[in-house]
Amino acid sequence: MVGLTDLARSRRCSLSAETCQETADGSAQADVRPLPRLHSALRRAAPALGLFAAARLTGLLVMAGWAWRIDRPPRRTLARSWDSDWYMLIAEHGYGRTLTWPDGAVQSDLAFFPLYPGLIRAVTAVLPVTSGSAGLLISWAGAATAALGIYAIGELLYGRRAATALVLLWGLLPHSIVLSMAYTEPVLTAFAAWSLYAVLTGRWLWAGALSALAGLARPNGIAVAAAVLAAAGYSALKARGEAREGHLGEADREARGNARGEARERDRGKAREGNRERRREKARGRRRRLWAGAALAPAGWCAYVLYVGFRTGDPLGGYFAVQRGWTSKFDFGVGALRVVRDIVLRPALLPMVLALLIVAASVVLFALLVLARPPVALLVYTGVLVLITVGGSGFFESKPRFLLPAFPLLLPLARAMTKARPGAAALVTVALAGLSFAYGTYLLMLSPIAL
């Protein structure tokens, strides 16, 4: 479970004018120059972003065509469906809305994290648009930013062809219509991708800050913090081991030097000590940035959970009580297994069957990802997302949507597509596109249950 040791060489970081020396945890120590060459990076990513935009635009046109056919406004469908409406109401009126059901269950809007409605309110304050339009603009911008971040990670690890395939696969997932809706998954994925990229290139403060924002976007944003913390701990342990080995090697060289002549060694002692002090100072600076980033990483998620706890009178358990009102809790998959039993033994709706197939596929893809030995940060991030999805109960039909930010699951498929014959790769792409466009339209226009 190491990172890029089998790629033991320096390579250009995909989004900046810098050279990255890759380390065993999959991070890269960056010799950062002041001004990133963003235009060059965008030029390299342009084919991938163009394919992603074409995929999503085609999916929107197919959905809009069906919506007009049945006399439903496409924009409102994208902006005010299911959870989107909760976010719009929070943006317009703040927190405080609850629904009480006949069985006594209480659903509170405190279950929804604050970053997305906060962004919507900010956009409507400066632009003459409705909350729904603002939500769509934010989601579309988030999806594009996420696609660029996913490309950057793919290019850094496996090159441009694999990165392009990775972005296209992400844009053609069965539930990728969510990337075009006023939902929070695009925003979370954008912050997650760039936080992970920052980890891989050794920018720990950026990694922590972006992770904190991801933690304010969605409950499963905690996966980003887990990845940053795991990578920081691994990097610190590795650096400590390398420092010990370096110290022992230096002592051995000094002993050999003393054997050749103490006088010559004394002449060189001051210069050597100065070099050691400079290296120690640089190492201390790296450690400070690493631990500062690690401390920042869970700050957003923890802050909101504590806020809900204090607001409900139970600082540590209040947020989780709110989630239980929505039938959402982590029970190690017990509730999910009951739903799986019902799907297998009784007639089930299409979204439930597809959800089961997609969750099962995610477990297989995670096993393949583990075998590929990715960087620690990607492995932990993806593992936590899959664990939350598989081990959580409630809203089984929504589990594929919860997995949308888990883009590293697609890395094995992306690499396989780059090695496949062009005809086979094209056939797979066309099949995925047909499924994505048709199923996305079904989810919004015909499905009897929430997305």
Protein backbone atom coordinates (compact mmCIF):
# COMPACT_ATOMS: atom_id res chain seq x y z
CA MET A 1 0.00 0.00 0.00
CA VAL A 2 2.61 2.45 -1.11
CA GLY A 3 2.18 5.26 -3.52
CA LEU A 4 4.40 5.83 -6.48
CA THR A 5 7.60 4.05 -5.59
CA ASP A 6 7.35 2.04 -8.78
CA LEU A 7 7.43 5.36 -10.61
CA ALA A 8 10.66 6.47 -8.96
CA ARG A 9 11.34 9.49 -11.03
CA SER A 10 10.58 13.18 -11.16
CA ARG A 11 7.83 14.42 -13.40
CA ARG A 12 6.05 17.63 -14.12
CA CYS A 13 3.16 18.40 -11.84
CA SER A 14 0.16 18.54 -14.10
CA LEU A 15 -1.11 21.97 -13.13
CA SER A 16 1.94 24.04 -12.35
CA ALA A 17 5.40 25.02 -13.46
CA GLU A 18 7.21 22.88 -10.98
CA THR A 19 9.06 19.62 -10.64
CA CYS A 20 7.65 17.03 -8.26
CA GLN A 21 9.77 14.34 -6.66
CA GLU A 22 7.40 11.51 -5.84
CA THR A 23 7.65 9.84 -2.46
CA ALA A 24 6.64 6.47 -1.12
CA ASP A 25 3.30 7.65 0.23
CA GLY A 26 2.25 8.93 -3.14
CA SER A 27 2.79 12.55 -2.22
CA ALA A 28 5.30 14.62 -4.08
CA GLN A 29 7.72 17.11 -2.67
CA ALA A 30 7.30 20.10 -4.89
CA ASP A 31 9.92 22.63 -5.85
CA VAL A 32 7.26 25.28 -6.21
CA ARG A 33 7.76 28.23 -8.49
CA PRO A 34 5.74 31.38 -7.85
CA LEU A 35 3.36 31.41 -10.83
CA PRO A 36 1.63 28.22 -11.95
CA ARG A 37 1.34 27.84 -15.72
CA LEU A 38 -2.39 27.43 -15.60
CA HIS A 39 -2.86 28.12 -19.30
CA SER A 40 -0.58 25.22 -20.21
CA ALA A 41 -2.41 22.91 -17.82
CA LEU A 42 -5.79 23.93 -19.23
CA ARG A 43 -4.53 23.32 -22.74
CA ARG A 44 -3.48 19.78 -21.81
CA ALA A 45 -6.78 19.16 -20.02
CA ALA A 46 -8.91 20.69 -22.79
CA PRO A 47 -9.73 17.41 -24.59
CA ALA A 48 -10.86 15.77 -21.34
CA LEU A 49 -12.90 18.81 -20.29
CA GLY A 50 -14.43 19.01 -23.76
CA LEU A 51 -15.51 15.37 -23.64
CA PHE A 52 -16.90 15.85 -20.14
CA ALA A 53 -18.86 18.94 -21.20
CA ALA A 54 -20.18 17.15 -24.29
CA ALA A 55 -21.32 14.19 -22.20
CA ARG A 56 -23.12 16.32 -19.66
CA LEU A 57 -24.65 18.64 -22.26
CA THR A 58 -25.97 15.68 -24.24
CA GLY A 59 -27.46 14.20 -21.08
CA LEU A 60 -29.15 17.52 -20.34
CA LEU A 61 -30.57 17.78 -23.85
CA VAL A 62 -32.01 14.25 -23.67
CA MET A 63 -33.59 15.02 -20.30
CA ALA A 64 -34.88 18.39 -21.48
CA GLY A 65 -36.41 16.84 -24.59
CA TRP A 66 -38.39 14.40 -22.49
CA ALA A 67 -39.36 17.14 -20.02
CA TRP A 68 -40.78 19.31 -22.81
CA ARG A 69 -42.59 16.28 -24.18
CA ILE A 70 -44.49 15.83 -20.91
CA ASP A 71 -44.82 19.58 -20.32
CA ARG A 72 -42.41 19.92 -17.37
CA PRO A 73 -39.96 22.84 -17.10
CA PRO A 74 -36.42 21.39 -17.30
CA ARG A 75 -34.74 24.19 -15.36
CA ARG A 76 -37.08 23.86 -12.39
CA THR A 77 -36.67 20.08 -12.47
CA LEU A 78 -32.90 20.47 -12.21
CA ALA A 79 -33.04 23.23 -9.60
CA ARG A 80 -35.87 22.26 -7.23
CA SER A 81 -36.06 18.46 -7.09
CA TRP A 82 -35.98 16.60 -3.75
CA ASP A 83 -32.97 17.69 -1.66
CA SER A 84 -32.42 20.70 -3.91
CA ASP A 85 -35.56 22.28 -2.53
CA TRP A 86 -34.26 21.96 1.04
CA TYR A 87 -31.04 23.69 0.08
CA MET A 88 -32.92 26.52 -1.65
CA LEU A 89 -35.12 27.08 1.40
CA ILE A 90 -32.06 27.18 3.69
CA ALA A 91 -30.42 29.70 1.36
CA GLU A 92 -33.56 31.87 1.30
CA HIS A 93 -34.70 31.63 4.93
CA GLY A 94 -31.91 30.05 6.98
CA TYR A 95 -32.15 26.94 9.13
CA GLY A 96 -35.22 26.05 11.16
CA ARG A 97 -37.54 24.05 8.91
CA THR A 98 -38.83 20.65 10.06
CA LEU A 99 -41.29 18.07 8.78
CA THR A 100 -43.24 15.88 11.21
CA TRP A 101 -44.66 12.62 9.87
CA PRO A 102 -47.71 10.71 11.17
CA ASP A 103 -45.48 8.07 12.74
CA GLY A 104 -43.79 10.78 14.83
CA ALA A 105 -40.57 11.01 12.80
CA VAL A 106 -39.15 14.54 12.61
CA GLN A 107 -36.98 15.59 9.69
CA SER A 108 -34.94 18.75 10.28
CA ASP A 109 -33.09 20.83 7.73
CA LEU A 110 -30.08 20.73 10.08
CA ALA A 111 -29.22 17.45 8.34
CA PHE A 112 -28.03 19.54 5.35
CA PHE A 113 -24.54 21.01 5.58
CA PRO A 114 -24.17 24.78 5.19
CA LEU A 115 -21.59 25.43 2.45
CA TYR A 116 -23.84 24.99 -0.57
CA PRO A 117 -26.76 27.13 0.66
CA GLY A 118 -24.22 29.70 1.82
CA LEU A 119 -22.75 29.87 -1.68
CA ILE A 120 -26.24 30.18 -3.15
CA ARG A 121 -27.03 33.11 -0.88
CA ALA A 122 -23.72 34.76 -1.82
CA VAL A 123 -24.40 34.41 -5.56
CA THR A 124 -27.93 35.77 -5.31
CA ALA A 125 -26.56 38.74 -3.36
CA VAL A 126 -24.31 39.80 -6.25
CA LEU A 127 -26.18 38.51 -9.33
CA PRO A 128 -29.81 39.12 -10.37
CA VAL A 129 -30.73 35.42 -10.38
CA THR A 130 -33.07 33.20 -8.40
CA SER A 131 -31.85 30.72 -5.82
CA GLY A 132 -32.48 27.86 -8.23
CA SER A 133 -30.41 29.45 -10.99
CA ALA A 134 -27.64 30.26 -8.52
CA GLY A 135 -27.63 26.65 -7.33
CA LEU A 136 -27.29 25.39 -10.89
CA LEU A 137 -24.46 27.83 -11.65
CA ILE A 138 -22.58 26.68 -8.55
CA SER A 139 -23.12 23.00 -9.33
CA TRP A 140 -22.03 23.37 -12.94
CA ALA A 141 -18.95 25.32 -11.91
CA GLY A 142 -18.25 22.70 -9.25
CA ALA A 143 -18.57 19.87 -11.77
CA ALA A 144 -16.15 21.58 -14.18
CA THR A 145 -13.67 22.30 -11.38
CA ALA A 146 -13.98 18.71 -10.16
CA ALA A 147 -13.36 17.38 -13.68
CA LEU A 148 -10.20 19.48 -13.93
CA GLY A 149 -9.01 18.23 -10.53
CA ILE A 150 -9.74 14.62 -11.46
CA TYR A 151 -7.79 15.11 -14.67
CA ALA A 152 -4.87 16.58 -12.73
CA ILE A 153 -4.71 13.56 -10.43
CA GLY A 154 -5.02 11.11 -13.32
CA GLU A 155 -2.29 12.85 -15.31
CA LEU A 156 0.02 13.02 -12.32
CA LEU A 157 -0.35 9.29 -11.65
CA TYR A 158 -0.79 7.66 -15.03
CA GLY A 159 -0.48 10.20 -17.84
CA ARG A 160 -2.79 12.16 -20.11
CA ARG A 161 -4.62 9.28 -21.81
CA ALA A 162 -5.64 7.66 -18.53
CA ALA A 163 -6.60 11.08 -17.11
CA THR A 164 -8.86 11.79 -20.10
CA ALA A 165 -10.51 8.38 -19.79
CA LEU A 166 -10.99 8.93 -16.06
CA VAL A 167 -12.80 12.24 -16.55
CA LEU A 168 -14.99 10.83 -19.32
CA LEU A 169 -15.96 7.79 -17.24
CA TRP A 170 -16.89 10.04 -14.33
CA GLY A 171 -19.10 12.12 -16.63
CA LEU A 172 -20.88 9.00 -17.94
CA LEU A 173 -21.78 7.29 -14.68
CA PRO A 174 -25.43 6.15 -14.49
CA HIS A 175 -26.20 8.83 -11.89
CA SER A 176 -24.10 11.57 -13.47
CA ILE A 177 -27.25 13.61 -14.14
CA VAL A 178 -26.73 14.72 -10.51
CA LEU A 179 -23.65 16.66 -11.70
CA SER A 180 -26.02 18.89 -13.66
CA MET A 181 -28.50 19.43 -10.82
CA ALA A 182 -28.60 21.77 -7.83
CA TYR A 183 -27.05 19.13 -5.59
CA THR A 184 -23.93 19.16 -3.45
CA GLU A 185 -22.00 16.24 -4.99
CA PRO A 186 -20.24 18.38 -7.64
CA VAL A 187 -19.08 20.88 -5.01
CA LEU A 188 -17.83 18.16 -2.67
CA THR A 189 -15.99 16.39 -5.48
CA ALA A 190 -14.30 19.63 -6.55
CA PHE A 191 -12.92 20.32 -3.09
CA ALA A 192 -12.02 16.65 -2.60
CA ALA A 193 -10.15 16.33 -5.90
CA TRP A 194 -8.07 19.44 -5.34
CA SER A 195 -7.38 18.58 -1.71
CA LEU A 196 -6.12 15.17 -2.80
CA TYR A 197 -4.04 16.77 -5.56
CA ALA A 198 -2.52 19.09 -2.96
CA VAL A 199 -1.61 16.06 -0.83
CA LEU A 200 -0.01 14.31 -3.79
CA THR A 201 2.11 17.38 -4.55
CA GLY A 202 3.09 18.16 -0.97
CA ARG A 203 0.97 21.29 -0.45
CA TRP A 204 -0.27 20.46 3.02
CA LEU A 205 -1.82 23.81 3.92
CA TRP A 206 -3.87 23.81 0.72
CA ALA A 207 -4.84 20.20 1.34
CA GLY A 208 -6.08 21.02 4.84
CA ALA A 209 -7.97 24.15 3.84
CA LEU A 210 -9.73 22.45 0.92
CA SER A 211 -10.53 19.47 3.11
CA ALA A 212 -12.13 21.79 5.68
CA LEU A 213 -14.36 23.22 2.94
CA ALA A 214 -15.24 19.72 1.73
CA GLY A 215 -16.28 18.93 5.29
CA LEU A 216 -18.76 21.82 5.18
CA ALA A 217 -20.33 20.56 1.95
CA ARG A 218 -21.67 17.09 2.81
CA PRO A 219 -21.63 14.55 5.65
CA ASN A 220 -19.36 12.21 3.70
CA GLY A 221 -16.89 15.08 3.27
CA ILE A 222 -15.21 13.57 6.33
CA ALA A 223 -13.60 11.14 3.87
CA VAL A 224 -11.36 13.95 2.61
CA ALA A 225 -10.18 14.76 6.13
CA ALA A 226 -9.48 11.07 6.76
CA ALA A 227 -7.35 10.95 3.61
CA VAL A 228 -5.35 14.06 4.53
CA LEU A 229 -4.74 12.84 8.08
CA ALA A 230 -3.68 9.37 6.92
CA ALA A 231 -1.33 10.75 4.28
CA ALA A 232 0.14 13.27 6.74
CA GLY A 233 0.81 10.56 9.32
CA TYR A 234 2.37 8.27 6.74
CA SER A 235 4.52 11.07 5.36
CA ALA A 236 5.69 12.08 8.84
CA LEU A 237 6.67 8.50 9.72
CA LYS A 238 8.50 8.09 6.43
CA ALA A 239 10.34 11.39 6.85
CA ARG A 240 11.39 10.38 10.35
CA GLY A 241 12.78 7.10 9.06
CA GLU A 242 14.65 8.83 6.25
CA ALA A 243 16.10 11.37 8.70
CA ARG A 244 17.35 8.58 10.97
CA GLU A 245 18.94 6.78 8.03
CA GLY A 246 20.53 10.01 6.85
CA HIS A 247 21.94 10.74 10.30
CA LEU A 248 23.46 7.28 10.57
CA GLY A 249 24.95 7.55 7.10
CA GLU A 250 26.47 10.91 7.93
CA ALA A 251 27.97 9.58 11.15
CA ASP A 252 29.52 6.72 9.20
CA ARG A 253 31.02 9.14 6.69
CA GLU A 254 32.45 11.23 9.53
CA ALA A 255 34.04 8.14 11.06
CA ARG A 256 35.68 7.27 7.74
CA GLY A 257 36.81 10.85 7.40
CA ASN A 258 38.39 10.79 10.86
CA ALA A 259 40.28 7.69 9.91
CA ARG A 260 41.73 9.52 6.89
CA GLY A 261 42.73 12.54 8.88
CA GLU A 262 41.24 14.58 11.65
CA ALA A 263 42.77 17.83 10.48
CA ARG A 264 41.04 17.75 7.11
CA GLU A 265 37.74 16.92 8.76
CA ARG A 266 38.01 19.86 11.13
CA ASP A 267 38.52 22.15 8.13
CA ARG A 268 35.29 20.92 6.60
CA GLY A 269 33.31 20.72 9.83
CA LYS A 270 31.86 24.20 9.79
CA ALA A 271 30.58 23.93 6.21
CA ARG A 272 29.06 20.55 6.93
CA GLU A 273 27.38 21.80 10.09
CA GLY A 274 25.94 24.76 8.20
CA ASN A 275 24.46 22.46 5.56
CA ARG A 276 22.97 20.26 8.26
CA GLU A 277 21.37 23.24 9.98
CA ARG A 278 19.81 24.45 6.71
CA ARG A 279 18.40 21.00 6.04
CA ARG A 280 17.02 20.79 9.55
CA GLU A 281 15.34 24.18 9.19
CA LYS A 282 13.72 23.15 5.91
CA ALA A 283 12.55 19.91 7.49
CA ARG A 284 11.05 21.80 10.43
CA GLY A 285 9.19 24.08 8.03
CA ARG A 286 7.79 21.09 6.14
CA ARG A 287 6.69 19.47 9.39
CA ARG A 288 4.95 22.64 10.54
CA ARG A 289 3.03 22.90 7.26
CA LEU A 290 2.19 19.21 7.32
CA TRP A 291 0.72 19.26 10.83
CA ALA A 292 -1.04 22.58 10.28
CA GLY A 293 -2.73 21.11 7.20
CA ALA A 294 -3.63 17.96 9.11
CA ALA A 295 -5.19 20.05 11.90
CA LEU A 296 -7.22 22.07 9.39
CA ALA A 297 -8.53 19.03 7.50
CA PRO A 298 -11.41 17.96 9.79
CA ALA A 299 -12.21 21.49 11.03
CA GLY A 300 -15.19 22.16 8.76
CA TRP A 301 -16.95 18.86 9.37
CA CYS A 302 -16.35 18.96 13.13
CA ALA A 303 -17.47 22.59 13.38
CA TYR A 304 -20.85 21.92 11.80
CA VAL A 305 -21.48 18.71 13.72
CA LEU A 306 -20.74 20.56 16.98
CA TYR A 307 -22.91 23.51 15.90
CA VAL A 308 -25.89 21.21 15.36
CA GLY A 309 -25.14 19.46 18.64
CA PHE A 310 -25.15 22.68 20.64
CA ARG A 311 -28.23 23.94 18.83
CA THR A 312 -30.14 20.77 19.69
CA GLY A 313 -28.85 20.58 23.27
CA ASP A 314 -26.66 17.51 22.77
CA PRO A 315 -23.16 18.68 21.71
CA LEU A 316 -21.78 15.29 20.72
CA GLY A 317 -24.90 13.40 19.69
CA GLY A 318 -27.29 16.06 18.40
CA TYR A 319 -26.25 15.91 14.77
CA PHE A 320 -26.49 12.12 14.66
CA ALA A 321 -29.95 12.31 16.26
CA VAL A 322 -30.99 14.65 13.45
CA GLN A 323 -29.70 12.14 10.90
CA ARG A 324 -31.64 9.34 12.58
CA GLY A 325 -34.78 11.39 12.01
CA TRP A 326 -34.04 10.91 8.31
CA THR A 327 -33.51 7.16 8.92
CA SER A 328 -29.80 7.66 8.23
CA LYS A 329 -27.32 5.99 10.56
CA PHE A 330 -24.20 3.86 10.36
CA ASP A 331 -25.06 0.31 11.40
CA PHE A 332 -22.29 -1.59 9.58
CA GLY A 333 -24.64 -2.53 6.75
CA VAL A 334 -27.38 -4.25 8.77
CA GLY A 335 -30.14 -2.04 7.38
CA ALA A 336 -28.72 -2.21 3.87
CA LEU A 337 -28.68 -6.02 3.99
CA ARG A 338 -32.38 -6.03 4.83
CA VAL A 339 -33.06 -3.92 1.74
CA VAL A 340 -30.87 -6.20 -0.38
CA ARG A 341 -32.87 -9.21 0.84
CA ASP A 342 -36.10 -7.52 -0.18
CA ILE A 343 -34.73 -6.58 -3.60
CA VAL A 344 -33.59 -10.14 -4.26
CA LEU A 345 -36.68 -11.93 -2.95
CA ARG A 346 -39.47 -9.56 -4.02
CA PRO A 347 -40.32 -7.44 -7.07
CA ALA A 348 -38.40 -4.18 -6.79
CA LEU A 349 -38.38 -0.82 -8.51
CA LEU A 350 -35.74 -0.21 -11.17
CA PRO A 351 -33.82 2.42 -9.12
CA MET A 352 -33.47 -0.06 -6.26
CA VAL A 353 -32.15 -2.79 -8.54
CA LEU A 354 -29.69 -0.42 -10.22
CA ALA A 355 -28.60 0.87 -6.82
CA LEU A 356 -27.79 -2.67 -5.70
CA LEU A 357 -25.80 -3.37 -8.87
CA ILE A 358 -23.87 -0.10 -8.62
CA VAL A 359 -23.01 -0.62 -4.94
CA ALA A 360 -21.85 -4.17 -5.67
CA ALA A 361 -19.74 -2.88 -8.58
CA SER A 362 -18.18 -0.25 -6.30
CA VAL A 363 -17.01 -2.94 -3.89
CA VAL A 364 -15.38 -4.86 -6.77
CA LEU A 365 -13.77 -1.70 -8.12
CA PHE A 366 -12.41 -0.85 -4.69
CA ALA A 367 -10.78 -4.28 -4.51
CA LEU A 368 -9.17 -3.62 -7.91
CA LEU A 369 -8.03 -0.21 -6.71
CA VAL A 370 -6.35 -1.78 -3.67
CA LEU A 371 -4.53 -4.23 -5.94
CA ALA A 372 -3.29 -1.30 -8.04
CA ARG A 373 -1.54 0.11 -4.92
CA PRO A 374 -2.56 3.77 -5.29
CA PRO A 375 -1.26 6.57 -3.07
CA VAL A 376 -2.39 6.33 0.53
CA ALA A 377 -4.56 9.45 0.30
CA LEU A 378 -6.61 8.11 -2.62
CA LEU A 379 -7.01 4.71 -1.01
CA VAL A 380 -8.21 6.08 2.33
CA TYR A 381 -10.53 8.64 0.71
CA THR A 382 -12.18 6.03 -1.48
CA GLY A 383 -12.31 3.43 1.25
CA VAL A 384 -14.10 5.76 3.66
CA LEU A 385 -16.65 6.76 1.01
CA VAL A 386 -17.37 3.12 0.16
CA LEU A 387 -17.55 2.20 3.85
CA ILE A 388 -20.03 5.00 4.61
CA THR A 389 -22.15 4.02 1.62
CA VAL A 390 -22.16 0.27 2.25
CA GLY A 391 -22.35 0.49 6.04
CA GLY A 392 -25.05 3.17 6.27
CA SER A 393 -28.77 2.51 6.43
CA GLY A 394 -31.54 4.56 4.94
CA PHE A 395 -32.17 5.83 1.40
CA PHE A 396 -30.76 2.77 -0.35
CA GLU A 397 -31.86 4.24 -3.69
CA SER A 398 -29.52 7.19 -3.08
CA LYS A 399 -26.37 5.15 -2.51
CA PRO A 400 -25.14 5.51 -6.13
CA ARG A 401 -25.37 9.29 -5.70
CA PHE A 402 -23.34 9.06 -2.50
CA LEU A 403 -20.63 7.27 -4.51
CA LEU A 404 -20.32 9.97 -7.18
CA PRO A 405 -17.40 11.68 -5.37
CA ALA A 406 -15.51 8.34 -5.26
CA PHE A 407 -13.86 8.94 -8.63
CA PRO A 408 -10.68 6.93 -7.77
CA LEU A 409 -12.84 3.80 -8.14
CA LEU A 410 -12.69 4.47 -11.87
CA LEU A 411 -8.88 4.46 -12.08
CA PRO A 412 -8.60 0.72 -12.88
CA LEU A 413 -11.21 1.09 -15.64
CA ALA A 414 -9.52 4.20 -17.03
CA ARG A 415 -6.17 2.43 -17.23
CA ALA A 416 -7.81 -0.59 -18.86
CA MET A 417 -9.43 1.64 -21.49
CA THR A 418 -6.07 3.14 -22.43
CA LYS A 419 -4.74 -0.37 -23.10
CA ALA A 420 -7.81 -1.62 -24.98
CA ARG A 421 -8.24 -1.53 -28.74
CA PRO A 422 -9.76 1.74 -29.96
CA GLY A 423 -12.87 -0.01 -31.23
CA ALA A 424 -13.48 -1.74 -27.91
CA ALA A 425 -12.93 1.48 -25.97
CA ALA A 426 -15.33 3.33 -28.26
CA LEU A 427 -17.96 0.62 -27.84
CA VAL A 428 -17.72 0.78 -24.06
CA THR A 429 -17.98 4.58 -24.18
CA VAL A 430 -21.08 4.51 -26.38
CA ALA A 431 -22.76 1.91 -24.15
CA LEU A 432 -22.03 3.93 -21.01
CA ALA A 433 -23.28 7.09 -22.67
CA GLY A 434 -26.56 5.45 -23.67
CA LEU A 435 -27.09 4.11 -20.16
CA SER A 436 -26.19 7.43 -18.53
CA PHE A 437 -28.44 9.57 -20.73
CA ALA A 438 -31.42 7.22 -20.63
CA TYR A 439 -31.20 6.43 -16.93
CA GLY A 440 -30.60 10.05 -15.95
CA THR A 441 -33.76 11.03 -17.82
CA TYR A 442 -35.68 8.22 -16.15
CA LEU A 443 -34.55 9.28 -12.67
CA LEU A 444 -35.80 12.83 -13.12
CA MET A 445 -38.85 12.28 -15.29
CA LEU A 446 -40.30 8.85 -14.47
CA SER A 447 -38.86 7.43 -11.25
CA PRO A 448 -41.43 7.20 -8.42
CA ILE A 449 -38.79 7.53 -5.69
CA ALA A 450 -36.26 10.21 -4.80
CA LEU A 451 -32.87 10.34 -6.43
